[in-house]
């Protein structure tokens, strides 16, 4: 899922606004964390498992859509966080 910035600031600072990949197998964690990040002027893309997150990293690496930051759950079924790092 790709979520556009829902910034509460009228003029988000491009130097502090980040393109973030959020990976977690819990829909509630994805929803709450995404909302917090969006309110703080970031663009958020979510993945519900490590395999999907790793694929998104590979697809965007070296492109203008490359992620500035990856936030991931440390205990997920399938690919684990240490595979992504």
C-alpha atoms as a PDB file:
ATOM      1  CA  UNK A   1       0.000   0.000   0.000  1.00  0.00           C
ATOM      2  CA  UNK A   2       1.244   3.482  -0.826  1.00  0.00           C
ATOM      3  CA  UNK A   3       0.090   6.321   1.370  1.00  0.00           C
ATOM      4  CA  UNK A   4       0.565   9.913   0.317  1.00  0.00           C
ATOM      5  CA  UNK A   5       1.699  12.530   2.756  1.00  0.00           C
ATOM      6  CA  UNK A   6      -1.103  13.820   4.968  1.00  0.00           C
ATOM      7  CA  UNK A   7       1.015  16.465   6.590  1.00  0.00           C
ATOM      8  CA  UNK A   8      -0.484  18.685   9.274  1.00  0.00           C
ATOM      9  CA  UNK A   9       2.171  21.305   8.473  1.00  0.00           C
ATOM     10  CA  UNK A  10       1.090  23.763   5.778  1.00  0.00           C
ATOM     11  CA  UNK A  11       4.564  23.699   4.207  1.00  0.00           C
ATOM     12  CA  UNK A  12       6.439  20.399   4.750  1.00  0.00           C
ATOM     13  CA  UNK A  13      10.197  20.704   4.820  1.00  0.00           C
ATOM     14  CA  UNK A  14      11.699  18.605   1.986  1.00  0.00           C
ATOM     15  CA  UNK A  15      14.869  18.180   4.048  1.00  0.00           C
ATOM     16  CA  UNK A  16      13.052  16.432   6.899  1.00  0.00           C
ATOM     17  CA  UNK A  17      10.252  14.687   5.004  1.00  0.00           C
ATOM     18  CA  UNK A  18      11.267  11.101   4.191  1.00  0.00           C
ATOM     19  CA  UNK A  19      10.101   8.308   1.904  1.00  0.00           C
ATOM     20  CA  UNK A  20       9.626   5.390   4.314  1.00  0.00           C
ATOM     21  CA  UNK A  21       9.024   1.672   3.814  1.00  0.00           C
ATOM     22  CA  UNK A  22       7.127   0.210   6.769  1.00  0.00           C
ATOM     23  CA  UNK A  23       7.166  -3.603   7.011  1.00  0.00           C
ATOM     24  CA  UNK A  24       5.053  -5.460   9.576  1.00  0.00           C
ATOM     25  CA  UNK A  25       2.750  -8.475   9.596  1.00  0.00           C
ATOM     26  CA  UNK A  26       0.271  -6.772  11.924  1.00  0.00           C
ATOM     27  CA  UNK A  27      -2.342  -4.646  10.120  1.00  0.00           C
ATOM     28  CA  UNK A  28      -2.980  -2.595  13.261  1.00  0.00           C
ATOM     29  CA  UNK A  29       0.731  -1.749  13.638  1.00  0.00           C
ATOM     30  CA  UNK A  30       0.880  -0.754   9.963  1.00  0.00           C
ATOM     31  CA  UNK A  31      -2.206   1.438  10.334  1.00  0.00           C
ATOM     32  CA  UNK A  32      -1.156   3.239  13.543  1.00  0.00           C
ATOM     33  CA  UNK A  33       2.493   3.704  12.597  1.00  0.00           C
ATOM     34  CA  UNK A  34       1.600   4.881   9.083  1.00  0.00           C
ATOM     35  CA  UNK A  35      -0.818   7.428  10.470  1.00  0.00           C
ATOM     36  CA  UNK A  36       1.829   8.806  12.841  1.00  0.00           C
ATOM     37  CA  UNK A  37       4.421   9.052  10.069  1.00  0.00           C
ATOM     38  CA  UNK A  38       1.958  10.665   7.671  1.00  0.00           C
ATOM     39  CA  UNK A  39       1.006  13.275  10.254  1.00  0.00           C
ATOM     40  CA  UNK A  40       4.707  14.110  10.519  1.00  0.00           C
ATOM     41  CA  UNK A  41       5.050  14.880   6.807  1.00  0.00           C
ATOM     42  CA  UNK A  42       6.503  11.603   5.568  1.00  0.00           C
ATOM     43  CA  UNK A  43       5.464   9.491   2.601  1.00  0.00           C
ATOM     44  CA  UNK A  44       4.811   5.897   3.632  1.00  0.00           C
ATOM     45  CA  UNK A  45       4.712   2.633   1.703  1.00  0.00           C
ATOM     46  CA  UNK A  46       3.661  -0.473   3.636  1.00  0.00           C
ATOM     47  CA  UNK A  47       4.387  -4.157   3.179  1.00  0.00           C
ATOM     48  CA  UNK A  48       2.691  -6.927   5.187  1.00  0.00           C
ATOM     49  CA  UNK A  49       5.635  -9.325   5.183  1.00  0.00           C
ATOM     50  CA  UNK A  50       9.387  -9.465   4.723  1.00  0.00           C
ATOM     51  CA  UNK A  51       9.204 -10.927   1.212  1.00  0.00           C
ATOM     52  CA  UNK A  52       7.043  -8.052  -0.032  1.00  0.00           C
ATOM     53  CA  UNK A  53       9.266  -5.508   1.724  1.00  0.00           C
ATOM     54  CA  UNK A  54      12.419  -6.980   0.240  1.00  0.00           C
ATOM     55  CA  UNK A  55      10.860  -6.953  -3.233  1.00  0.00           C
ATOM     56  CA  UNK A  56       9.923  -3.268  -2.846  1.00  0.00           C
ATOM     57  CA  UNK A  57      13.487  -2.465  -1.790  1.00  0.00           C
ATOM     58  CA  UNK A  58      14.890  -4.251  -4.853  1.00  0.00           C
ATOM     59  CA  UNK A  59      12.439  -2.542  -7.224  1.00  0.00           C
ATOM     60  CA  UNK A  60      13.203   0.967  -5.998  1.00  0.00           C
ATOM     61  CA  UNK A  61      16.939   0.738  -5.311  1.00  0.00           C
ATOM     62  CA  UNK A  62      18.825   3.303  -7.358  1.00  0.00           C
ATOM     63  CA  UNK A  63      15.657   5.021  -8.586  1.00  0.00           C
ATOM     64  CA  UNK A  64      14.115   8.347  -7.524  1.00  0.00           C
ATOM     65  CA  UNK A  65      11.579   6.270  -5.528  1.00  0.00           C
ATOM     66  CA  UNK A  66      14.330   4.681  -3.391  1.00  0.00           C
ATOM     67  CA  UNK A  67      13.433   4.622   0.297  1.00  0.00           C
ATOM     68  CA  UNK A  68      15.171   6.899   2.775  1.00  0.00           C
ATOM     69  CA  UNK A  69      14.308   4.648   5.691  1.00  0.00           C
ATOM     70  CA  UNK A  70      12.994   1.132   6.342  1.00  0.00           C
ATOM     71  CA  UNK A  71      11.117   0.369   9.558  1.00  0.00           C
ATOM     72  CA  UNK A  72      10.548  -3.335  10.070  1.00  0.00           C
ATOM     73  CA  UNK A  73       9.205  -5.793  12.601  1.00  0.00           C
ATOM     74  CA  UNK A  74      11.953  -8.030  13.979  1.00  0.00           C
ATOM     75  CA  UNK A  75       9.758 -11.124  14.212  1.00  0.00           C
ATOM     76  CA  UNK A  76       7.744 -11.963  11.116  1.00  0.00           C
ATOM     77  CA  UNK A  77       6.917 -15.188   9.320  1.00  0.00           C
ATOM     78  CA  UNK A  78       8.917 -15.750   6.142  1.00  0.00           C
ATOM     79  CA  UNK A  79      11.872 -13.413   5.601  1.00  0.00           C
ATOM     80  CA  UNK A  80      13.230 -11.925   8.776  1.00  0.00           C
ATOM     81  CA  UNK A  81      14.517  -8.417   9.402  1.00  0.00           C
ATOM     82  CA  UNK A  82      18.194  -9.440   9.217  1.00  0.00           C
ATOM     83  CA  UNK A  83      17.694 -10.570   5.614  1.00  0.00           C
ATOM     84  CA  UNK A  84      16.539  -7.057   4.724  1.00  0.00           C
ATOM     85  CA  UNK A  85      19.419  -5.273   6.410  1.00  0.00           C
END
